Amino acid sequence: MKNKINRLGICIFLCIIIINCMGQSAGLINSPKNLPKDSIQIMEAGRIVFTNTCQACHGNKAFPQAPSLQLLMAVPPRAILNTLNSGKMRQQAKALSEKEREEVAQYISHKLLKETVIPKEAYTKYVFGGGNKLYDYSGFGGNPEGTNFRSAEQSGISRENVDSLKLKWAFAFPDASDMRSKPAIVGKWIITGNSITGDVYAIDRFTGKLGWHITASNGIRSGIVVEKSGNSYTAYFADGATYVYAVDINKGKIIWNTKAGVDAMAMNTGTVAVSRGKVFVPLSSYEVAAAADSNYNCCTNSGGVAALNAKTGALIWYHRVIPTKATARKDKRNKKPFYGPSGAPVWGSPTVDFKRNLLYIGTGENYSLPTTSTSDAIQAINMTTGKLVWNFQATEGDAWNLACPTIINCPGTKGRDLDFGMAPILVTGKDGKQRLLAGQKSGVVYAISPENGKLLWRTRIGKGGALGGIHWGMAADSENVYAANADNLLGINYDSLNIKITPGIYAIDIISGQVKWATPTPKISGGPSYLRANSAAPVVVPGIVFAGSNDGHLRAYDTGDGHIIWDYNTDKEFDTVNGLPGKGGSVDVASPVIADGMLYLNSGYSQFGQKPGNVLLGFSVKN
């Protein structure tokens, strides 16, 4: 029994990392009796591992956040295995052998581990032919300033033709349940990655056919950045284990790769930024999950940014968000010490300010005490030296990890997990002045002076919480910033603020901070009500904001008054150009990518109980 309790972290994080199919049809789920006879031994062995390590909380009323086994079956076994091997559960699963991890992954999914091969018919002749500056697109926000704005000429989509936007093709990602990697466009090709397998693809953006693919060592949880030097085009990206890659797009070959993270539990979810010969790599930490293991020495890691040489991958400088190294603090209930300060992860992409030679990042909560002034903050870093120029903290005293509220490594405070998870936006308003805009999980949007970090205005659009407020990003034109509010996601709000939950899309005046309009996320028929939430970053073109929601819909909003002018439901099965089973799900994480009359959208995300899926969808307006 004691062993089971010590390993509760495994089961808790199986639910947090791979909880997935709330509201999914039971007809989509295989059961062990439908598997080949030779799988019986594997399933029985996996059942024993599950019973000994996970059953203590799955189905236990004391752990309502842990779903039943039935609710875990839609996730592919490879996704579960990757989470155990190198993902958020690697600390909790270290007591399991490689064979045991494979067995329990197959038992939970009720599917066998097998390699999925993309058929030869899915490939087309790869001829690069260079890029087109007008239509090329890369980075999490589409430009160094992170605005998620596309001009009328770049986008080719307008109020006049948006009604003709139709699905042209669908591409299915093997073994995937979460579509996290934001595509880049260079010429006629899309460069994008698989967040589970680590495969990176060059896909013909007009047909959906494959040109080439390479494989990284871990899943690609972030976007792709493309840089041109002379006639050479290079794609830069990081995998979940913080290995950074430079890939020759013309040849489909890796030029170099190097590990950027220095902490033992370092991870990457944010897209790299590339500027002036440097690759800037945002770094966070799995310690937020590892802390749920009561035997884990919580906590010592810090968020950071590594600057690498773009030609060689060599380290130039490293910025640690918490400059003070963690030391032993007062004892926990088990008489072992807490360590701190820690945390302040950098989840999102850095934003580049060429004029001021600054790099802007957002940070998250502290994982342990004492709290620091650098958590839940926006920071400006000198791009040449890596030195901190200014620090704006939005929320003080936020210490939280996934042991909270009851497991021994919880710091015992009323921390709310109010990260700045998105990339800051540097935008020039109609008054000619630049402002740095950032949205927080608190449900508050801030305008900050890029010169000195002083607050210009703050506007609350929601209640916020651990899974509320602004998650992945915003978009801005010269008049407004458009924010997605995820307040309702899972209904988790750990405070008593007398503020209503108000999920939806908001337009806020850049100069005054006043809300111009707010459009609630439409109610859905069937499925869990908590999927009524906008978590994904939006994208804006003149007259239109496109925003996805956790119910699987992509909607187009009029920038003038916010009314919905186009709607497409991606939560369904698709015939795919590569012949693999394809299904859409929740639209989360990145914004759509728009270029030359086409729109590209990831569909599927199951990390916090949303709907899994594995498709990249290509839409086109009528010529």
Foldseek 3Di string as FASTA:
>chain_A
DVQQLLLQLVQLQLLQFQQFAFQHDLVVADALVPDDPVCPVLLVLLVVLCVSHHPVQAVDPVNVSGHHLSRRQVAFLLQQLQCCCQNLNVLSNVVPDSSNSQSNSCNSNVHHDDDDDFDPLLADADAQPWFDVLQWAWFQLRDLQSFLEHECAFFVDDPVFVVQKDFDFKAFDPSFFAQAEAWTDGHQWIWTWAQRFQKIFTARQRHRGTHDIDGDPHGFRYYWDWDDDPRWIWIWGAHFQQKIWIAGPRVRGTQDIDHFDDDPFKTANAGWDDDDQKIKGWIFGSLLSSLLSLPDQADWAFTWIWIAGNNYRHTDDIAGLDPDTWDFDAAWPVRGTHIDFYAFGFHYYWRADPVVQWIKTWTKFTQADDGDQSHRWIWIARNNHRDTDEIGHDDPDAHAGPNPPDGGSGNNDLHFTWTQNEYWGWAQAPVRAIWIWTKIQCQKIWTAHPVHRHTPDMDHDARGTNQWHAHYEWHDDRFWIKTFTLQLAVVDHSDDPPTDGFGFIWTAGPNPRHTPETDFQDADDGGDRSQRGFHEYWHDYVQWIWTFTLAQKIFIAGPNHGDTDDIDHQQAWDCHSSRDTWGFWGFHHGYWRGGDQKTWGHGRDGSSNGHTTGMIIIIGTDD
